[in-house]
C-alpha atoms as a PDB file:
ATOM      1  CA  MET A   1      -3.723  10.207  27.602  1.00  0.00           C
ATOM      2  CA  SER A   2      -5.867  12.471  29.734  1.00  0.00           C
ATOM      3  CA  VAL A   3      -5.824  16.231  29.219  1.00  0.00           C
ATOM      4  CA  ASN A   4      -4.619  16.724  32.784  1.00  0.00           C
ATOM      5  CA  ALA A   5      -1.565  14.560  32.260  1.00  0.00           C
ATOM      6  CA  GLY A   6      -0.468  16.581  29.236  1.00  0.00           C
ATOM      7  CA  SER A   7      -1.143  19.878  31.033  1.00  0.00           C
ATOM      8  CA  ASP A   8       0.830  18.804  34.112  1.00  0.00           C
ATOM      9  CA  LYS A   9       3.942  18.185  32.058  1.00  0.00           C
ATOM     10  CA  LEU A  10       3.669  21.564  30.402  1.00  0.00           C
ATOM     11  CA  THR A  11       3.067  23.523  33.612  1.00  0.00           C
ATOM     12  CA  ASN A  12       5.162  21.577  36.120  1.00  0.00           C
ATOM     13  CA  ALA A  13       8.512  20.505  34.718  1.00  0.00           C
ATOM     14  CA  SER A  14       9.476  18.819  38.011  1.00  0.00           C
ATOM     15  CA  GLN A  15       6.687  16.264  37.742  1.00  0.00           C
ATOM     16  CA  PRO A  16       7.872  13.110  35.956  1.00  0.00           C
ATOM     17  CA  SER A  17       6.194  12.077  32.721  1.00  0.00           C
ATOM     18  CA  PRO A  18       3.915   9.039  32.845  1.00  0.00           C
ATOM     19  CA  ASP A  19       5.400   5.802  31.546  1.00  0.00           C
ATOM     20  CA  LEU A  20       4.412   4.421  28.154  1.00  0.00           C
ATOM     21  CA  THR A  21       5.588   1.313  26.352  1.00  0.00           C
ATOM     22  CA  VAL A  22       5.837   1.641  22.584  1.00  0.00           C
ATOM     23  CA  LEU A  23       6.090  -1.538  20.501  1.00  0.00           C
ATOM     24  CA  LEU A  24       7.528  -0.624  17.108  1.00  0.00           C
ATOM     25  CA  ALA A  25       6.606  -3.252  14.519  1.00  0.00           C
ATOM     26  CA  ALA A  26       9.173  -4.467  12.016  1.00  0.00           C
ATOM     27  CA  PRO A  27       8.976  -4.760   9.088  1.00  0.00           C
ATOM     28  CA  ARG A  28       7.034  -1.551   8.471  1.00  0.00           C
ATOM     29  CA  GLY A  29       6.958   1.273   5.964  1.00  0.00           C
ATOM     30  CA  PHE A  30       8.350   1.309   2.452  1.00  0.00           C
ATOM     31  CA  CYS A  31       8.318  -1.894   0.426  1.00  0.00           C
ATOM     32  CA  ALA A  32      10.548  -2.540  -2.589  1.00  0.00           C
ATOM     33  CA  GLY A  33       7.824  -1.546  -5.061  1.00  0.00           C
ATOM     34  CA  VAL A  34       7.186   1.789  -3.357  1.00  0.00           C
ATOM     35  CA  ASP A  35      10.894   2.492  -2.959  1.00  0.00           C
ATOM     36  CA  ARG A  36      11.412   1.794  -6.679  1.00  0.00           C
ATOM     37  CA  ALA A  37       8.476   3.989  -7.746  1.00  0.00           C
ATOM     38  CA  ILE A  38       9.659   6.996  -5.728  1.00  0.00           C
ATOM     39  CA  LYS A  39      13.214   6.502  -6.968  1.00  0.00           C
ATOM     40  CA  ILE A  40      11.959   6.501 -10.575  1.00  0.00           C
ATOM     41  CA  VAL A  41      10.389   9.946 -10.093  1.00  0.00           C
ATOM     42  CA  GLU A  42      13.435  11.334  -8.284  1.00  0.00           C
ATOM     43  CA  LEU A  43      15.888  10.001 -10.882  1.00  0.00           C
ATOM     44  CA  ALA A  44      13.716  11.245 -13.734  1.00  0.00           C
ATOM     45  CA  LEU A  45      13.776  14.736 -12.227  1.00  0.00           C
ATOM     46  CA  GLU A  46      17.553  14.569 -11.806  1.00  0.00           C
ATOM     47  CA  LYS A  47      18.220  13.288 -15.318  1.00  0.00           C
ATOM     48  CA  PHE A  48      15.599  15.113 -17.384  1.00  0.00           C
ATOM     49  CA  GLY A  49      14.749  18.091 -15.198  1.00  0.00           C
ATOM     50  CA  ALA A  50      11.335  19.444 -14.256  1.00  0.00           C
ATOM     51  CA  PRO A  51       8.567  18.986 -15.002  1.00  0.00           C
ATOM     52  CA  VAL A  52       8.031  15.247 -14.790  1.00  0.00           C
ATOM     53  CA  TYR A  53       4.422  14.141 -15.190  1.00  0.00           C
ATOM     54  CA  VAL A  54       3.010  11.375 -12.976  1.00  0.00           C
ATOM     55  CA  ARG A  55      -0.313   9.731 -13.715  1.00  0.00           C
ATOM     56  CA  HIS A  56      -2.076   9.292 -10.355  1.00  0.00           C
ATOM     57  CA  GLU A  57      -0.260   9.585  -7.013  1.00  0.00           C
ATOM     58  CA  ILE A  58       2.992   7.672  -7.442  1.00  0.00           C
ATOM     59  CA  VAL A  59       2.171   5.994  -4.106  1.00  0.00           C
ATOM     60  CA  HIS A  60      -0.663   6.685  -1.707  1.00  0.00           C
ATOM     61  CA  ASN A  61       1.000   9.058   0.739  1.00  0.00           C
ATOM     62  CA  ARG A  62       0.457  12.812   0.873  1.00  0.00           C
ATOM     63  CA  TYR A  63       3.883  13.536   2.401  1.00  0.00           C
ATOM     64  CA  VAL A  64       5.645  11.668  -0.414  1.00  0.00           C
ATOM     65  CA  VAL A  65       3.510  13.248  -3.131  1.00  0.00           C
ATOM     66  CA  ASP A  66       3.949  16.769  -1.747  1.00  0.00           C
ATOM     67  CA  SER A  67       7.710  16.239  -1.473  1.00  0.00           C
ATOM     68  CA  LEU A  68       7.965  15.133  -5.104  1.00  0.00           C
ATOM     69  CA  ARG A  69       5.664  17.942  -6.215  1.00  0.00           C
ATOM     70  CA  SER A  70       8.002  20.462  -4.568  1.00  0.00           C
ATOM     71  CA  LYS A  71      10.846  19.054  -6.686  1.00  0.00           C
ATOM     72  CA  GLY A  72       8.958  19.468  -9.948  1.00  0.00           C
ATOM     73  CA  ALA A  73       6.653  16.484 -10.332  1.00  0.00           C
ATOM     74  CA  ILE A  74       3.198  17.254 -11.715  1.00  0.00           C
ATOM     75  CA  PHE A  75       0.492  14.773 -10.740  1.00  0.00           C
ATOM     76  CA  VAL A  76      -2.473  14.181 -13.018  1.00  0.00           C
ATOM     77  CA  GLU A  77      -5.318  11.675 -13.121  1.00  0.00           C
ATOM     78  CA  ASP A  78      -5.565  11.422 -16.903  1.00  0.00           C
ATOM     79  CA  LEU A  79      -3.138  11.652 -19.789  1.00  0.00           C
ATOM     80  CA  ASP A  80      -5.394  14.289 -21.346  1.00  0.00           C
ATOM     81  CA  GLU A  81      -4.190  16.695 -18.641  1.00  0.00           C
ATOM     82  CA  ILE A  82      -0.620  16.467 -19.958  1.00  0.00           C
ATOM     83  CA  PRO A  83       0.398  18.843 -22.770  1.00  0.00           C
ATOM     84  CA  ASP A  84       2.392  17.633 -25.752  1.00  0.00           C
ATOM     85  CA  THR A  85       5.846  17.176 -24.265  1.00  0.00           C
ATOM     86  CA  ALA A  86       9.107  15.276 -24.541  1.00  0.00           C
ATOM     87  CA  GLN A  87       9.359  15.159 -20.743  1.00  0.00           C
ATOM     88  CA  PRO A  88       8.879  11.828 -18.915  1.00  0.00           C
ATOM     89  CA  VAL A  89       5.390  10.563 -18.131  1.00  0.00           C
ATOM     90  CA  ILE A  90       5.390   8.120 -15.232  1.00  0.00           C
ATOM     91  CA  PHE A  91       2.751   5.526 -14.381  1.00  0.00           C
ATOM     92  CA  SER A  92       2.172   4.966 -10.652  1.00  0.00           C
ATOM     93  CA  ALA A  93       3.138   1.894  -8.655  1.00  0.00           C
ATOM     94  CA  HIS A  94      -0.480   0.656  -8.710  1.00  0.00           C
ATOM     95  CA  GLY A  95      -0.453  -0.178 -12.410  1.00  0.00           C
ATOM     96  CA  VAL A  96      -2.722   0.994 -15.219  1.00  0.00           C
ATOM     97  CA  ALA A  97      -5.233  -0.448 -17.646  1.00  0.00           C
ATOM     98  CA  LYS A  98      -3.879  -1.582 -21.010  1.00  0.00           C
ATOM     99  CA  SER A  99      -5.574   1.393 -22.685  1.00  0.00           C
ATOM    100  CA  VAL A 100      -3.312   3.884 -20.857  1.00  0.00           C
ATOM    101  CA  PRO A 101       0.074   2.890 -22.363  1.00  0.00           C
ATOM    102  CA  GLU A 102      -1.679   2.503 -25.722  1.00  0.00           C
ATOM    103  CA  ALA A 103      -2.910   6.112 -25.475  1.00  0.00           C
ATOM    104  CA  ALA A 104       0.565   7.263 -24.409  1.00  0.00           C
ATOM    105  CA  LYS A 105       2.132   5.487 -27.373  1.00  0.00           C
ATOM    106  CA  HIS A 106      -0.379   7.126 -29.720  1.00  0.00           C
ATOM    107  CA  ARG A 107       0.794  10.520 -28.421  1.00  0.00           C
ATOM    108  CA  ASN A 108       4.492   9.539 -28.643  1.00  0.00           C
ATOM    109  CA  MET A 109       4.958  10.090 -24.905  1.00  0.00           C
ATOM    110  CA  PHE A 110       8.204   9.176 -23.188  1.00  0.00           C
ATOM    111  CA  VAL A 111       6.854   6.708 -20.632  1.00  0.00           C
ATOM    112  CA  LEU A 112       8.553   5.412 -17.507  1.00  0.00           C
ATOM    113  CA  ASP A 113       6.435   2.689 -15.920  1.00  0.00           C
ATOM    114  CA  ALA A 114       6.713   2.545 -12.119  1.00  0.00           C
ATOM    115  CA  THR A 115       4.159  -0.259 -11.774  1.00  0.00           C
ATOM    116  CA  CYS A 116       5.266  -2.620  -9.016  1.00  0.00           C
ATOM    117  CA  PRO A 117       6.651  -5.853 -10.527  1.00  0.00           C
ATOM    118  CA  LEU A 118       4.378  -7.827  -8.197  1.00  0.00           C
ATOM    119  CA  VAL A 119       1.362  -6.035  -9.672  1.00  0.00           C
ATOM    120  CA  PHE A 120       2.677  -6.866 -13.147  1.00  0.00           C
ATOM    121  CA  LYS A 121       2.659 -10.500 -12.038  1.00  0.00           C
ATOM    122  CA  VAL A 122      -1.086 -10.281 -11.324  1.00  0.00           C
ATOM    123  CA  HIS A 123      -1.675  -8.617 -14.716  1.00  0.00           C
ATOM    124  CA  PHE A 124       0.191 -11.435 -16.429  1.00  0.00           C
ATOM    125  CA  GLU A 125      -1.798 -14.097 -14.583  1.00  0.00           C
ATOM    126  CA  ALA A 126      -5.134 -12.519 -15.521  1.00  0.00           C
ATOM    127  CA  VAL A 127      -4.157 -12.319 -19.196  1.00  0.00           C
ATOM    128  CA  ARG A 128      -2.795 -15.875 -19.216  1.00  0.00           C
ATOM    129  CA  HIS A 129      -5.993 -17.289 -17.693  1.00  0.00           C
ATOM    130  CA  HIS A 130      -8.155 -15.348 -20.147  1.00  0.00           C
ATOM    131  CA  GLU A 131      -6.127 -16.540 -23.121  1.00  0.00           C
ATOM    132  CA  ALA A 132      -6.526 -20.109 -21.832  1.00  0.00           C
ATOM    133  CA  GLY A 133     -10.300 -19.735 -22.103  1.00  0.00           C
ATOM    134  CA  LEU A 134     -10.947 -19.371 -18.362  1.00  0.00           C
ATOM    135  CA  GLN A 135     -13.376 -16.945 -16.741  1.00  0.00           C
ATOM    136  CA  VAL A 136     -11.278 -14.668 -14.517  1.00  0.00           C
ATOM    137  CA  LEU A 137     -12.278 -13.600 -11.006  1.00  0.00           C
ATOM    138  CA  LEU A 138     -10.354 -10.888  -9.153  1.00  0.00           C
ATOM    139  CA  ILE A 139     -10.465 -10.667  -5.359  1.00  0.00           C
ATOM    140  CA  GLY A 140     -10.097  -6.986  -4.533  1.00  0.00           C
ATOM    141  CA  HIS A 141     -11.706  -3.677  -3.611  1.00  0.00           C
ATOM    142  CA  ALA A 142     -13.827  -1.862  -6.178  1.00  0.00           C
ATOM    143  CA  GLY A 143     -12.401   1.453  -7.306  1.00  0.00           C
ATOM    144  CA  HIS A 144      -8.852   0.873  -6.102  1.00  0.00           C
ATOM    145  CA  PRO A 145      -6.331   1.902  -8.795  1.00  0.00           C
ATOM    146  CA  GLU A 146      -4.675  -1.521  -8.730  1.00  0.00           C
ATOM    147  CA  VAL A 147      -8.025  -3.237  -9.306  1.00  0.00           C
ATOM    148  CA  ILE A 148      -8.892  -0.826 -12.123  1.00  0.00           C
ATOM    149  CA  GLY A 149      -5.521  -1.538 -13.707  1.00  0.00           C
ATOM    150  CA  THR A 150      -5.816  -5.311 -13.420  1.00  0.00           C
ATOM    151  CA  MET A 151      -9.376  -5.440 -14.733  1.00  0.00           C
ATOM    152  CA  GLY A 152      -8.262  -3.158 -17.539  1.00  0.00           C
ATOM    153  CA  GLN A 153      -5.839  -5.754 -18.870  1.00  0.00           C
ATOM    154  CA  LEU A 154      -8.792  -7.633 -20.340  1.00  0.00           C
ATOM    155  CA  PRO A 155     -11.852  -6.631 -22.400  1.00  0.00           C
ATOM    156  CA  ASP A 156     -14.757  -5.020 -20.546  1.00  0.00           C
ATOM    157  CA  GLY A 157     -16.727  -7.605 -18.591  1.00  0.00           C
ATOM    158  CA  ALA A 158     -14.036 -10.284 -18.833  1.00  0.00           C
ATOM    159  CA  VAL A 159     -13.038  -9.948 -15.154  1.00  0.00           C
ATOM    160  CA  HIS A 160     -15.553 -10.491 -12.362  1.00  0.00           C
ATOM    161  CA  LEU A 161     -14.726  -8.642  -9.118  1.00  0.00           C
ATOM    162  CA  ILE A 162     -15.138 -10.504  -5.826  1.00  0.00           C
ATOM    163  CA  GLU A 163     -14.993  -8.426  -2.632  1.00  0.00           C
ATOM    164  CA  THR A 164     -16.566 -10.710  -0.012  1.00  0.00           C
ATOM    165  CA  VAL A 165     -17.538 -14.293   0.745  1.00  0.00           C
ATOM    166  CA  ALA A 166     -21.124 -13.241  -0.012  1.00  0.00           C
ATOM    167  CA  ASP A 167     -19.981 -12.271  -3.512  1.00  0.00           C
ATOM    168  CA  VAL A 168     -18.639 -15.787  -3.961  1.00  0.00           C
ATOM    169  CA  ASP A 169     -21.965 -17.285  -2.925  1.00  0.00           C
ATOM    170  CA  ALA A 170     -23.852 -15.013  -5.330  1.00  0.00           C
ATOM    171  CA  PHE A 171     -21.541 -15.622  -8.290  1.00  0.00           C
ATOM    172  CA  LYS A 172     -22.909 -17.641 -11.212  1.00  0.00           C
ATOM    173  CA  PRO A 173     -20.110 -18.828 -13.516  1.00  0.00           C
ATOM    174  CA  ASP A 174     -20.397 -19.355 -17.237  1.00  0.00           C
ATOM    175  CA  ASP A 175     -18.779 -22.760 -16.696  1.00  0.00           C
ATOM    176  CA  PRO A 176     -17.744 -23.924 -13.193  1.00  0.00           C
ATOM    177  CA  GLU A 177     -15.046 -26.094 -14.769  1.00  0.00           C
ATOM    178  CA  LYS A 178     -13.361 -23.124 -16.448  1.00  0.00           C
ATOM    179  CA  LEU A 179     -12.572 -20.635 -13.710  1.00  0.00           C
ATOM    180  CA  ALA A 180      -9.445 -18.922 -12.383  1.00  0.00           C
ATOM    181  CA  PHE A 181      -8.868 -16.274  -9.758  1.00  0.00           C
ATOM    182  CA  THR A 182      -6.208 -13.777  -8.852  1.00  0.00           C
ATOM    183  CA  THR A 183      -6.044 -11.115  -6.139  1.00  0.00           C
ATOM    184  CA  GLN A 184      -5.131  -7.524  -5.428  1.00  0.00           C
ATOM    185  CA  THR A 185      -1.666  -7.401  -3.803  1.00  0.00           C
ATOM    186  CA  THR A 186      -2.590  -5.321  -0.730  1.00  0.00           C
ATOM    187  CA  LEU A 187      -5.483  -7.217   0.834  1.00  0.00           C
ATOM    188  CA  SER A 188      -5.962  -8.699   4.289  1.00  0.00           C
ATOM    189  CA  VAL A 189      -4.204 -12.062   4.231  1.00  0.00           C
ATOM    190  CA  ASP A 190      -6.822 -13.697   6.462  1.00  0.00           C
ATOM    191  CA  ASP A 191      -9.866 -12.221   4.689  1.00  0.00           C
ATOM    192  CA  THR A 192      -8.497 -13.193   1.299  1.00  0.00           C
ATOM    193  CA  ALA A 193      -7.756 -16.725   2.474  1.00  0.00           C
ATOM    194  CA  GLU A 194     -11.367 -17.013   3.622  1.00  0.00           C
ATOM    195  CA  ILE A 195     -12.677 -15.845   0.237  1.00  0.00           C
ATOM    196  CA  ALA A 196     -10.284 -18.127  -1.670  1.00  0.00           C
ATOM    197  CA  ALA A 197     -11.310 -21.092   0.472  1.00  0.00           C
ATOM    198  CA  ARG A 198     -14.958 -20.444  -0.317  1.00  0.00           C
ATOM    199  CA  LEU A 199     -14.176 -20.205  -4.032  1.00  0.00           C
ATOM    200  CA  LYS A 200     -12.410 -23.565  -3.923  1.00  0.00           C
ATOM    201  CA  GLN A 201     -15.262 -25.065  -1.927  1.00  0.00           C
ATOM    202  CA  ARG A 202     -17.899 -23.916  -4.433  1.00  0.00           C
ATOM    203  CA  PHE A 203     -15.775 -24.484  -7.518  1.00  0.00           C
ATOM    204  CA  PRO A 204     -13.243 -27.285  -6.915  1.00  0.00           C
ATOM    205  CA  ALA A 205     -11.814 -26.935 -10.437  1.00  0.00           C
ATOM    206  CA  ILE A 206     -10.940 -23.256 -10.026  1.00  0.00           C
ATOM    207  CA  ILE A 207      -7.298 -22.346 -10.659  1.00  0.00           C
ATOM    208  CA  GLY A 208      -5.587 -20.014  -8.198  1.00  0.00           C
ATOM    209  CA  PRO A 209      -2.225 -18.245  -8.230  1.00  0.00           C
ATOM    210  CA  HIS A 210       0.871 -20.468  -8.390  1.00  0.00           C
ATOM    211  CA  LYS A 211       2.290 -18.224  -5.674  1.00  0.00           C
ATOM    212  CA  GLU A 212       0.311 -15.898  -3.426  1.00  0.00           C
ATOM    213  CA  ASP A 213      -0.665 -12.659  -5.176  1.00  0.00           C
ATOM    214  CA  ILE A 214      -0.723 -10.729  -1.896  1.00  0.00           C
ATOM    215  CA  CYS A 215       2.758  -9.262  -1.851  1.00  0.00           C
ATOM    216  CA  TYR A 216       5.484 -10.174   0.620  1.00  0.00           C
ATOM    217  CA  ALA A 217       5.423  -6.693   2.187  1.00  0.00           C
ATOM    218  CA  THR A 218       1.686  -6.758   2.867  1.00  0.00           C
ATOM    219  CA  THR A 219       2.008 -10.220   4.397  1.00  0.00           C
ATOM    220  CA  ASN A 220       5.030  -9.304   6.528  1.00  0.00           C
ATOM    221  CA  ARG A 221       3.526  -6.076   7.851  1.00  0.00           C
ATOM    222  CA  GLN A 222       0.306  -7.808   8.817  1.00  0.00           C
ATOM    223  CA  ALA A 223       2.247 -10.578  10.589  1.00  0.00           C
ATOM    224  CA  ALA A 224       4.210  -7.992  12.584  1.00  0.00           C
ATOM    225  CA  VAL A 225       0.990  -6.255  13.647  1.00  0.00           C
ATOM    226  CA  LYS A 226      -0.524  -9.582  14.705  1.00  0.00           C
ATOM    227  CA  GLU A 227       2.509 -10.103  16.933  1.00  0.00           C
ATOM    228  CA  ILE A 228       2.202  -6.810  18.817  1.00  0.00           C
ATOM    229  CA  ALA A 229      -1.562  -6.152  18.764  1.00  0.00           C
ATOM    230  CA  PRO A 230      -2.585  -8.488  21.622  1.00  0.00           C
ATOM    231  CA  GLN A 231      -0.188  -6.613  23.940  1.00  0.00           C
ATOM    232  CA  CYS A 232      -1.418  -3.139  23.008  1.00  0.00           C
ATOM    233  CA  ASP A 233      -4.135  -0.779  24.223  1.00  0.00           C
ATOM    234  CA  LEU A 234      -3.835   1.167  20.966  1.00  0.00           C
ATOM    235  CA  VAL A 235      -2.159   0.513  17.606  1.00  0.00           C
ATOM    236  CA  LEU A 236      -1.252   3.477  15.423  1.00  0.00           C
ATOM    237  CA  VAL A 237      -0.850   2.777  11.719  1.00  0.00           C
ATOM    238  CA  VAL A 238       1.000   5.520   9.862  1.00  0.00           C
ATOM    239  CA  GLY A 239      -0.523   5.775   6.400  1.00  0.00           C
ATOM    240  CA  ALA A 240      -2.960   7.522   4.090  1.00  0.00           C
ATOM    241  CA  PRO A 241      -6.757   7.089   4.053  1.00  0.00           C
ATOM    242  CA  ASN A 242      -6.573   5.895   0.423  1.00  0.00           C
ATOM    243  CA  SER A 243      -3.818   3.378   1.155  1.00  0.00           C
ATOM    244  CA  SER A 244      -5.310  -0.114   0.981  1.00  0.00           C
ATOM    245  CA  ASN A 245      -2.469  -1.869   2.787  1.00  0.00           C
ATOM    246  CA  SER A 246      -2.527   0.718   5.598  1.00  0.00           C
ATOM    247  CA  LEU A 247      -6.273   0.350   6.127  1.00  0.00           C
ATOM    248  CA  ARG A 248      -5.841  -3.423   6.265  1.00  0.00           C
ATOM    249  CA  LEU A 249      -3.247  -3.027   9.040  1.00  0.00           C
ATOM    250  CA  VAL A 250      -5.810  -1.204  11.192  1.00  0.00           C
ATOM    251  CA  GLU A 251      -8.298  -4.038  10.650  1.00  0.00           C
ATOM    252  CA  VAL A 252      -5.664  -6.673  11.374  1.00  0.00           C
ATOM    253  CA  ALA A 253      -4.692  -4.980  14.645  1.00  0.00           C
ATOM    254  CA  GLN A 254      -8.271  -4.950  15.878  1.00  0.00           C
ATOM    255  CA  LYS A 255      -8.962  -8.537  14.816  1.00  0.00           C
ATOM    256  CA  ALA A 256      -5.739  -9.642  16.532  1.00  0.00           C
ATOM    257  CA  GLY A 257      -6.938  -8.372  19.900  1.00  0.00           C
ATOM    258  CA  CYS A 258      -6.100  -4.678  20.186  1.00  0.00           C
ATOM    259  CA  PRO A 259      -9.166  -2.735  21.384  1.00  0.00           C
ATOM    260  CA  VAL A 260      -8.324   0.382  19.347  1.00  0.00           C
ATOM    261  CA  GLY A 261      -6.614   0.683  15.973  1.00  0.00           C
ATOM    262  CA  ARG A 262      -6.219   4.079  14.319  1.00  0.00           C
ATOM    263  CA  LEU A 263      -4.889   5.301  11.010  1.00  0.00           C
ATOM    264  CA  VAL A 264      -2.766   8.455  11.395  1.00  0.00           C
ATOM    265  CA  GLN A 265      -1.087  10.491   8.674  1.00  0.00           C
ATOM    266  CA  ARG A 266       1.033  12.701  10.947  1.00  0.00           C
ATOM    267  CA  ALA A 267       1.673  13.249  14.660  1.00  0.00           C
ATOM    268  CA  ALA A 268      -1.136  15.802  14.701  1.00  0.00           C
ATOM    269  CA  ASP A 269      -3.578  12.919  14.155  1.00  0.00           C
ATOM    270  CA  ILE A 270      -2.603  10.973  17.293  1.00  0.00           C
ATOM    271  CA  PRO A 271      -5.799  10.301  19.315  1.00  0.00           C
ATOM    272  CA  TRP A 272      -4.394  11.336  22.692  1.00  0.00           C
ATOM    273  CA  ASP A 273      -7.637  10.499  24.478  1.00  0.00           C
ATOM    274  CA  ALA A 274      -7.109   6.852  23.513  1.00  0.00           C
ATOM    275  CA  VAL A 275      -3.586   6.682  24.971  1.00  0.00           C
ATOM    276  CA  VAL A 276      -3.485   4.835  28.309  1.00  0.00           C
ATOM    277  CA  GLU A 277      -0.944   6.105  30.842  1.00  0.00           C
ATOM    278  CA  GLY A 278       1.327   3.256  31.824  1.00  0.00           C
ATOM    279  CA  GLY A 279      -0.087   1.265  28.929  1.00  0.00           C
ATOM    280  CA  THR A 280       1.265  -0.003  25.637  1.00  0.00           C
ATOM    281  CA  ILE A 281       0.995   1.500  22.168  1.00  0.00           C
ATOM    282  CA  GLY A 282       1.881  -0.298  18.969  1.00  0.00           C
ATOM    283  CA  VAL A 283       3.251   1.662  16.030  1.00  0.00           C
ATOM    284  CA  THR A 284       3.603   0.517  12.437  1.00  0.00           C
ATOM    285  CA  ALA A 285       3.440   2.040   8.962  1.00  0.00           C
ATOM    286  CA  GLY A 286       1.869   1.081   5.685  1.00  0.00           C
ATOM    287  CA  ALA A 287       4.063   0.203   2.711  1.00  0.00           C
ATOM    288  CA  SER A 288       3.786   3.708   1.244  1.00  0.00           C
ATOM    289  CA  ALA A 289       4.592   5.622   4.455  1.00  0.00           C
ATOM    290  CA  PRO A 290       8.160   6.976   4.880  1.00  0.00           C
ATOM    291  CA  GLU A 291      10.101   6.319   8.077  1.00  0.00           C
ATOM    292  CA  VAL A 292      10.347  10.054   8.785  1.00  0.00           C
ATOM    293  CA  LEU A 293       6.630  10.011   9.667  1.00  0.00           C
ATOM    294  CA  VAL A 294       7.161   7.115  12.083  1.00  0.00           C
ATOM    295  CA  ASP A 295       9.972   9.100  13.715  1.00  0.00           C
ATOM    296  CA  GLU A 296       7.595  12.053  14.047  1.00  0.00           C
ATOM    297  CA  ILE A 297       5.029   9.860  15.836  1.00  0.00           C
ATOM    298  CA  ILE A 298       7.648   8.471  18.237  1.00  0.00           C
ATOM    299  CA  GLU A 299       8.927  11.975  18.992  1.00  0.00           C
ATOM    300  CA  ALA A 300       5.400  13.173  19.730  1.00  0.00           C
ATOM    301  CA  LEU A 301       4.776  10.272  22.114  1.00  0.00           C
ATOM    302  CA  SER A 302       8.141  10.868  23.808  1.00  0.00           C
ATOM    303  CA  SER A 303       7.337  14.548  24.289  1.00  0.00           C
ATOM    304  CA  ARG A 304       4.402  13.662  26.559  1.00  0.00           C
ATOM    305  CA  TYR A 305       5.489  10.360  28.066  1.00  0.00           C
ATOM    306  CA  GLN A 306       8.493   8.499  29.362  1.00  0.00           C
ATOM    307  CA  ALA A 307       8.388   6.302  26.279  1.00  0.00           C
ATOM    308  CA  ASN A 308      10.159   2.941  26.352  1.00  0.00           C
ATOM    309  CA  VAL A 309      10.447   1.991  22.678  1.00  0.00           C
ATOM    310  CA  LYS A 310      10.914  -1.679  21.842  1.00  0.00           C
ATOM    311  CA  VAL A 311      11.342  -2.940  18.272  1.00  0.00           C
ATOM    312  CA  VAL A 312       9.483  -6.193  17.594  1.00  0.00           C
ATOM    313  CA  THR A 313      10.880  -7.887  14.465  1.00  0.00           C
ATOM    314  CA  THR A 314       9.062 -10.782  12.819  1.00  0.00           C
ATOM    315  CA  ALA A 315      10.844 -10.885   9.439  1.00  0.00           C
ATOM    316  CA  GLU A 316      13.840  -9.486   7.578  1.00  0.00           C
ATOM    317  CA  GLU A 317      13.384  -8.014   4.106  1.00  0.00           C
ATOM    318  CA  ASN A 318      16.053  -7.639   1.410  1.00  0.00           C
ATOM    319  CA  VAL A 319      13.940  -7.351  -1.745  1.00  0.00           C
ATOM    320  CA  ALA A 320      14.924  -4.801  -4.418  1.00  0.00           C
ATOM    321  CA  PHE A 321      13.602  -4.165  -7.923  1.00  0.00           C
ATOM    322  CA  ASN A 322      15.492  -2.756 -10.924  1.00  0.00           C
ATOM    323  CA  ILE A 323      14.731   0.707 -12.230  1.00  0.00           C
ATOM    324  CA  PRO A 324      13.938   1.283 -15.931  1.00  0.00           C
ATOM    325  CA  ARG A 325      16.905   1.217 -18.312  1.00  0.00           C
ATOM    326  CA  ALA A 326      16.321   4.836 -19.351  1.00  0.00           C
ATOM    327  CA  LEU A 327      17.209   5.985 -15.817  1.00  0.00           C
ATOM    328  CA  ARG A 328      20.410   4.037 -15.393  1.00  0.00           C
ATOM    329  CA  ASP A 329      23.616   6.065 -15.284  1.00  0.00           C
ATOM    330  CA  ASN A 330      24.939   4.923 -18.663  1.00  0.00           C
ATOM    331  CA  SER A 331      21.715   5.671 -20.548  1.00  0.00           C
ATOM    332  CA  PRO A 332      21.689   8.910 -22.561  1.00  0.00           C
ATOM    333  CA  ALA A 333      19.210  11.634 -21.675  1.00  0.00           C
ATOM    334  CA  ALA A 334      16.345  12.196 -24.095  1.00  0.00           C
END
């Protein structure tokens, strides 16, 4: 939107607002793993009181983390930051290396593991392949907590990280007949398919996941963005800069034909100069972004434009994961 258009509305109430079409992607926002992780922290606070310690951000969203912090959650990056305590210690949805629960057990910590069950599935696959005598490759992004956690299931050097097709071409296996690969759950579906195809081309005997490792929520949110992106002048993805699945949605939007894709954390981040009067904006949210932030974006757009909001649904989701036994109503408090 131009500066003049915004100023006109503020100074001349009689002048109608410019039209704007908003395509609201569905599914969007919280996935079952994120919903479960947040619920674990909230229930732990209700049942055991504050403080509750959380290793790493429970999910990658500042709004969520700040909200839980205000209720009594204390976020740390290492168990060494936690004093000796009987209070709950919660592992984030991204999963942790095997050494972390071992260290917690050594200190007799009361652990509640909020690792997404779909991440656990990847951990299990990596261990199973290693125990079968296969060299394990992990498609993922270096430094991401989920990748650190998955690689940490096996001894140092036992997992080889693959980030690009070029990495596949440069890889020299110990034995091309004894290879397996798994993937981070929040990657670009198309990019990962390209890397997996190259792996299978170079190493026909390689064993892949029985079922896709990229989670259903990542896949569904990318499909929804692909549906709306070609119709949009701008796609706004509500999410955090350290959220892998949110960053992938921006990339997917641009590759699907939208000229501009932007990651925004709050309404204050909307790039108004990229909004086209009379045009079309797509709005979605990463799997760790709460719907309240989407509502905030829509309200901000509606405050400057005559916004016609249309929901574009490409899939229905009804997945739910169980919470730990220690948090269920009939379980005694510690």
